[in-house]
């Protein structure tokens, strides 16, 4: 063996990652987790459940997250109800106009026979 002093290892890109604090949560096997800890002291797997949104903006964002198209929203249902009502009224007007035309035709026929 040589008596030459060894060179110090050059720190690589993973040195900082390996030096990060560890989670330490107990695994199912009973050993501490060795994942790198987040600011809360646990790893991404053991960080705990989300506490949910706190601000009004966050609550609104969560409410809109599963929104897909809005065809079943209260506004869309009301608009569909109004469209149906308008169609019904239009059909009633057409029926009244047809009855009026029939009456006028009958009246003309009576006047023509006199």
N, C-alpha and C. Protein backbone atom coordinates (compact mmCIF):
# COMPACT_ATOMS: atom_id res chain seq x y z
N UNK A 1 0.82 -1.17 0.00
CA UNK A 1 0.00 0.00 0.00
C UNK A 1 0.87 1.24 0.00
N UNK A 2 0.31 2.23 -0.62
CA UNK A 2 1.11 3.46 -0.69
C UNK A 2 0.82 4.33 0.51
N UNK A 3 1.77 5.12 0.83
CA UNK A 3 1.65 6.03 1.96
C UNK A 3 1.13 7.39 1.53
N UNK A 4 0.74 7.51 0.25
CA UNK A 4 0.27 8.80 -0.28
C UNK A 4 -1.10 9.14 0.33
N UNK A 5 -1.29 10.41 0.67
CA UNK A 5 -2.58 10.80 1.24
C UNK A 5 -3.69 10.69 0.18
N UNK A 6 -4.86 10.30 0.66
CA UNK A 6 -5.99 10.19 -0.25
C UNK A 6 -6.58 11.56 -0.52
N UNK A 7 -7.07 11.71 -1.73
CA UNK A 7 -7.73 12.98 -2.08
C UNK A 7 -9.15 12.96 -1.52
N UNK A 8 -9.61 14.14 -1.08
CA UNK A 8 -10.97 14.23 -0.56
C UNK A 8 -11.94 14.05 -1.73
N UNK A 9 -13.04 13.33 -1.48
CA UNK A 9 -14.01 13.16 -2.58
C UNK A 9 -14.66 14.49 -2.94
N UNK A 10 -14.84 14.67 -4.22
CA UNK A 10 -15.48 15.89 -4.73
C UNK A 10 -16.98 15.72 -4.53
N UNK A 11 -17.64 16.71 -3.90
CA UNK A 11 -19.08 16.57 -3.68
C UNK A 11 -19.82 16.56 -5.02
N UNK A 12 -20.65 15.56 -5.20
CA UNK A 12 -21.44 15.44 -6.42
C UNK A 12 -22.80 16.10 -6.27
N UNK A 13 -23.62 16.03 -7.29
CA UNK A 13 -24.92 16.70 -7.25
C UNK A 13 -25.87 16.08 -6.23
N UNK A 14 -25.66 14.84 -5.86
CA UNK A 14 -26.57 14.18 -4.92
C UNK A 14 -26.13 14.33 -3.47
N UNK A 15 -25.01 14.97 -3.24
CA UNK A 15 -24.52 15.10 -1.88
C UNK A 15 -25.51 15.86 -1.00
N UNK A 16 -26.05 16.95 -1.52
CA UNK A 16 -27.01 17.74 -0.75
C UNK A 16 -28.29 16.93 -0.51
N UNK A 17 -28.71 16.17 -1.50
CA UNK A 17 -29.92 15.35 -1.33
C UNK A 17 -29.72 14.28 -0.28
N UNK A 18 -28.55 13.69 -0.26
CA UNK A 18 -28.29 12.66 0.74
C UNK A 18 -28.13 13.25 2.14
N UNK A 19 -27.76 14.53 2.21
CA UNK A 19 -27.57 15.18 3.49
C UNK A 19 -28.88 15.75 4.05
N UNK A 20 -29.96 15.70 3.28
CA UNK A 20 -31.25 16.27 3.72
C UNK A 20 -31.75 15.51 4.94
N UNK A 21 -32.51 16.19 5.81
CA UNK A 21 -33.08 15.48 6.96
C UNK A 21 -34.05 14.40 6.49
N UNK A 22 -34.16 13.36 7.27
CA UNK A 22 -35.00 12.21 6.91
C UNK A 22 -36.34 12.27 7.63
N UNK A 23 -37.32 11.59 7.06
CA UNK A 23 -38.69 11.59 7.56
C UNK A 23 -38.78 10.97 8.95
N UNK A 24 -38.39 9.73 9.10
CA UNK A 24 -38.38 9.08 10.39
C UNK A 24 -39.71 8.46 10.80
N UNK A 25 -40.77 8.57 9.99
CA UNK A 25 -42.05 7.96 10.33
C UNK A 25 -41.88 6.45 10.33
N UNK A 26 -42.64 5.78 11.18
CA UNK A 26 -42.54 4.32 11.24
C UNK A 26 -43.21 3.70 10.03
N UNK A 27 -42.54 2.76 9.40
CA UNK A 27 -43.12 2.02 8.28
C UNK A 27 -43.89 0.83 8.83
N UNK A 28 -44.52 0.08 7.96
CA UNK A 28 -45.28 -1.10 8.41
C UNK A 28 -44.35 -2.14 9.03
N UNK A 29 -43.13 -2.16 8.56
CA UNK A 29 -42.16 -3.10 9.11
C UNK A 29 -41.60 -2.62 10.45
N UNK A 30 -41.94 -1.39 10.83
CA UNK A 30 -41.48 -0.87 12.10
C UNK A 30 -40.20 -0.08 12.03
N UNK A 31 -39.59 0.01 10.86
CA UNK A 31 -38.36 0.76 10.69
C UNK A 31 -38.69 2.22 10.37
N UNK A 32 -37.78 3.13 10.66
CA UNK A 32 -38.04 4.53 10.31
C UNK A 32 -37.93 4.74 8.79
N UNK A 33 -38.78 5.60 8.28
CA UNK A 33 -38.76 5.93 6.84
C UNK A 33 -37.49 6.73 6.56
N UNK A 34 -36.87 6.46 5.44
CA UNK A 34 -35.62 7.14 5.09
C UNK A 34 -35.81 8.16 3.99
N UNK A 35 -37.08 8.48 3.67
CA UNK A 35 -37.34 9.46 2.63
C UNK A 35 -36.93 10.86 3.07
N UNK A 36 -36.54 11.72 2.12
CA UNK A 36 -36.16 13.09 2.49
C UNK A 36 -37.37 13.85 3.02
N UNK A 37 -37.18 14.58 4.11
CA UNK A 37 -38.28 15.28 4.76
C UNK A 37 -38.59 16.60 4.07
N UNK A 38 -39.87 16.97 4.13
CA UNK A 38 -40.32 18.28 3.65
C UNK A 38 -40.22 19.25 4.83
N UNK A 39 -40.61 20.51 4.63
CA UNK A 39 -40.53 21.46 5.74
C UNK A 39 -41.34 21.05 6.98
N UNK A 40 -42.39 20.23 6.79
CA UNK A 40 -43.17 19.82 7.96
C UNK A 40 -42.52 18.68 8.73
N UNK A 41 -41.38 18.18 8.25
CA UNK A 41 -40.64 17.14 8.96
C UNK A 41 -40.93 15.73 8.49
N UNK A 42 -41.88 15.56 7.58
CA UNK A 42 -42.22 14.24 7.05
C UNK A 42 -41.99 14.22 5.53
N UNK A 43 -41.87 13.01 4.99
CA UNK A 43 -41.67 12.89 3.54
C UNK A 43 -42.99 13.08 2.81
N UNK A 44 -42.96 13.02 1.50
CA UNK A 44 -44.19 13.22 0.71
C UNK A 44 -45.20 12.11 0.93
N UNK A 45 -44.73 10.94 1.35
CA UNK A 45 -45.64 9.83 1.60
C UNK A 45 -46.30 9.93 2.98
N UNK A 46 -45.57 10.48 3.95
CA UNK A 46 -46.06 10.52 5.32
C UNK A 46 -46.41 11.93 5.78
N UNK A 47 -46.61 12.82 4.86
CA UNK A 47 -46.84 14.23 5.20
C UNK A 47 -48.17 14.52 5.83
N UNK A 48 -49.07 13.59 5.88
CA UNK A 48 -50.38 13.82 6.48
C UNK A 48 -51.39 14.27 5.45
N UNK A 49 -52.66 14.20 5.85
CA UNK A 49 -53.73 14.59 4.96
C UNK A 49 -53.75 16.10 4.79
N UNK A 50 -54.30 16.53 3.67
CA UNK A 50 -54.45 17.96 3.41
C UNK A 50 -55.50 18.52 4.37
N UNK A 51 -55.28 19.73 4.82
CA UNK A 51 -56.25 20.37 5.70
C UNK A 51 -57.28 21.14 4.89
N UNK A 52 -57.17 21.13 3.57
CA UNK A 52 -58.16 21.77 2.72
C UNK A 52 -57.89 23.25 2.53
N UNK A 53 -58.68 23.88 1.66
CA UNK A 53 -58.48 25.30 1.40
C UNK A 53 -58.91 26.15 2.60
N UNK A 54 -58.25 27.25 2.79
CA UNK A 54 -58.54 28.13 3.93
C UNK A 54 -59.19 29.45 3.47
N UNK A 55 -58.82 29.94 2.30
CA UNK A 55 -59.31 31.24 1.84
C UNK A 55 -60.57 31.07 1.00
N UNK A 56 -61.29 32.15 0.81
CA UNK A 56 -62.49 32.11 -0.04
C UNK A 56 -62.12 31.76 -1.48
N UNK A 57 -60.98 32.28 -1.95
CA UNK A 57 -60.54 31.97 -3.31
C UNK A 57 -60.23 30.48 -3.45
N UNK A 58 -59.57 29.92 -2.44
CA UNK A 58 -59.26 28.49 -2.46
C UNK A 58 -60.51 27.63 -2.41
N UNK A 59 -61.48 28.04 -1.59
CA UNK A 59 -62.74 27.30 -1.52
C UNK A 59 -63.47 27.34 -2.85
N UNK A 60 -63.48 28.50 -3.49
CA UNK A 60 -64.15 28.64 -4.79
C UNK A 60 -63.43 27.80 -5.85
N UNK A 61 -62.10 27.78 -5.80
CA UNK A 61 -61.32 26.97 -6.75
C UNK A 61 -61.63 25.49 -6.59
N UNK A 62 -61.76 25.04 -5.33
CA UNK A 62 -62.09 23.64 -5.08
C UNK A 62 -63.51 23.32 -5.54
N UNK A 63 -64.42 24.27 -5.37
CA UNK A 63 -65.79 24.05 -5.79
C UNK A 63 -65.88 23.93 -7.31
N UNK A 64 -65.05 24.68 -8.01
CA UNK A 64 -65.07 24.66 -9.48
C UNK A 64 -64.22 23.53 -10.07
N UNK A 65 -63.38 22.89 -9.28
CA UNK A 65 -62.45 21.88 -9.81
C UNK A 65 -63.15 20.75 -10.55
N UNK A 66 -64.23 20.14 -10.02
CA UNK A 66 -64.86 19.04 -10.75
C UNK A 66 -65.83 19.50 -11.84
N UNK A 67 -65.94 20.80 -12.07
CA UNK A 67 -66.86 21.36 -13.06
C UNK A 67 -66.45 20.93 -14.45
N UNK A 68 -67.36 20.35 -15.20
CA UNK A 68 -67.02 19.87 -16.54
C UNK A 68 -67.66 20.72 -17.63
N UNK A 69 -68.97 20.92 -17.56
CA UNK A 69 -69.64 21.63 -18.65
C UNK A 69 -70.72 22.57 -18.17
N UNK A 70 -71.35 22.33 -17.05
CA UNK A 70 -72.37 23.22 -16.53
C UNK A 70 -73.77 23.00 -17.07
N UNK A 71 -73.99 21.91 -17.80
CA UNK A 71 -75.32 21.66 -18.36
C UNK A 71 -76.34 21.31 -17.28
N UNK A 72 -75.87 20.96 -16.09
CA UNK A 72 -76.79 20.63 -15.00
C UNK A 72 -76.72 21.66 -13.88
N UNK A 73 -76.16 22.83 -14.18
CA UNK A 73 -76.10 23.88 -13.16
C UNK A 73 -77.48 24.50 -13.00
N UNK A 74 -77.68 25.22 -11.93
CA UNK A 74 -78.98 25.86 -11.66
C UNK A 74 -79.33 26.84 -12.78
N UNK A 75 -78.33 27.56 -13.29
CA UNK A 75 -78.59 28.53 -14.36
C UNK A 75 -79.03 27.81 -15.64
N UNK A 76 -78.38 26.70 -15.97
CA UNK A 76 -78.73 25.97 -17.19
C UNK A 76 -80.12 25.34 -17.06
N UNK A 77 -80.46 24.83 -15.89
CA UNK A 77 -81.78 24.23 -15.68
C UNK A 77 -82.87 25.30 -15.81
N UNK A 78 -82.62 26.47 -15.22
CA UNK A 78 -83.59 27.56 -15.32
C UNK A 78 -83.75 28.02 -16.77
N UNK A 79 -82.64 28.12 -17.51
CA UNK A 79 -82.70 28.53 -18.91
C UNK A 79 -83.49 27.51 -19.73
N UNK A 80 -83.30 26.21 -19.46
CA UNK A 80 -84.03 25.17 -20.17
C UNK A 80 -85.53 25.25 -19.84
N UNK A 81 -85.85 25.55 -18.59
CA UNK A 81 -87.26 25.68 -18.20
C UNK A 81 -87.91 26.87 -18.93
N UNK A 82 -87.19 27.98 -19.01
CA UNK A 82 -87.72 29.15 -19.72
C UNK A 82 -87.87 28.88 -21.21
N UNK A 83 -86.90 28.14 -21.80
CA UNK A 83 -87.02 27.78 -23.22
C UNK A 83 -88.26 26.92 -23.46
N UNK A 84 -88.50 25.96 -22.58
CA UNK A 84 -89.69 25.11 -22.71
C UNK A 84 -90.96 25.90 -22.59
N UNK A 85 -90.98 26.85 -21.65
CA UNK A 85 -92.16 27.70 -21.47
C UNK A 85 -92.38 28.55 -22.73
N UNK A 86 -91.31 29.12 -23.29
CA UNK A 86 -91.43 29.94 -24.50
C UNK A 86 -91.91 29.10 -25.68
N UNK A 87 -91.41 27.87 -25.80
CA UNK A 87 -91.88 26.99 -26.88
C UNK A 87 -93.37 26.68 -26.74
N UNK A 88 -93.81 26.44 -25.50
CA UNK A 88 -95.22 26.18 -25.26
C UNK A 88 -96.08 27.37 -25.63
N UNK A 89 -95.63 28.57 -25.27
CA UNK A 89 -96.38 29.78 -25.61
C UNK A 89 -96.39 30.01 -27.12
N UNK A 90 -95.26 29.74 -27.78
CA UNK A 90 -95.21 29.89 -29.23
C UNK A 90 -96.17 28.90 -29.91
N UNK A 91 -96.23 27.67 -29.41
CA UNK A 91 -97.14 26.68 -29.97
C UNK A 91 -98.59 27.11 -29.75
N UNK A 92 -98.89 27.68 -28.59
CA UNK A 92 -100.24 28.18 -28.31
C UNK A 92 -100.61 29.33 -29.25
N UNK A 93 -99.65 30.23 -29.49
CA UNK A 93 -99.90 31.33 -30.43
C UNK A 93 -100.16 30.80 -31.83
N UNK A 94 -99.38 29.82 -32.27
CA UNK A 94 -99.58 29.24 -33.60
C UNK A 94 -100.96 28.59 -33.69
N UNK A 95 -101.38 27.91 -32.64
CA UNK A 95 -102.70 27.28 -32.63
C UNK A 95 -103.80 28.34 -32.70
N UNK A 96 -103.64 29.45 -31.96
CA UNK A 96 -104.62 30.53 -32.00
C UNK A 96 -104.67 31.18 -33.38
N UNK A 97 -103.50 31.38 -33.99
CA UNK A 97 -103.47 31.96 -35.35
C UNK A 97 -104.15 31.04 -36.36
N UNK A 98 -103.93 29.74 -36.22
CA UNK A 98 -104.57 28.78 -37.12
C UNK A 98 -106.08 28.81 -36.93
N UNK A 99 -106.53 28.87 -35.67
CA UNK A 99 -107.97 28.97 -35.40
C UNK A 99 -108.54 30.25 -36.00
N UNK A 100 -107.79 31.36 -35.88
CA UNK A 100 -108.24 32.63 -36.45
C UNK A 100 -108.33 32.53 -37.97
N UNK A 101 -107.34 31.92 -38.60
CA UNK A 101 -107.37 31.73 -40.06
C UNK A 101 -108.56 30.88 -40.46
N UNK A 102 -108.83 29.82 -39.68
CA UNK A 102 -109.98 28.96 -39.98
C UNK A 102 -111.29 29.75 -39.86
N UNK A 103 -111.39 30.59 -38.84
CA UNK A 103 -112.59 31.41 -38.67
C UNK A 103 -112.77 32.40 -39.82
N UNK A 104 -111.65 33.04 -40.21
CA UNK A 104 -111.72 33.99 -41.33
C UNK A 104 -112.10 33.28 -42.62
N UNK A 105 -111.55 32.07 -42.82
CA UNK A 105 -111.90 31.31 -44.02
C UNK A 105 -113.38 30.93 -43.99
N UNK A 106 -113.91 30.53 -42.85
CA UNK A 106 -115.31 30.17 -42.73
C UNK A 106 -116.18 31.40 -42.94
N UNK A 107 -115.75 32.54 -42.42
CA UNK A 107 -116.51 33.78 -42.59
C UNK A 107 -116.57 34.19 -44.06
N UNK A 108 -115.42 34.07 -44.76
CA UNK A 108 -115.37 34.39 -46.19
C UNK A 108 -116.28 33.46 -46.98
N UNK A 109 -116.29 32.20 -46.59
CA UNK A 109 -117.13 31.22 -47.28
C UNK A 109 -118.61 31.55 -47.10
N UNK A 110 -118.97 31.98 -45.90
CA UNK A 110 -120.35 32.36 -45.65
C UNK A 110 -120.72 33.59 -46.45
N UNK A 111 -119.81 34.59 -46.50
CA UNK A 111 -120.08 35.83 -47.23
C UNK A 111 -120.14 35.55 -48.73
N UNK A 112 -119.34 34.62 -49.22
CA UNK A 112 -119.33 34.31 -50.65
C UNK A 112 -120.65 33.61 -51.07
N UNK A 113 -121.26 32.84 -50.18
CA UNK A 113 -122.49 32.14 -50.51
C UNK A 113 -123.71 33.07 -50.47
N UNK A 114 -123.60 34.21 -49.83
CA UNK A 114 -124.73 35.14 -49.75
C UNK A 114 -124.87 35.98 -50.94
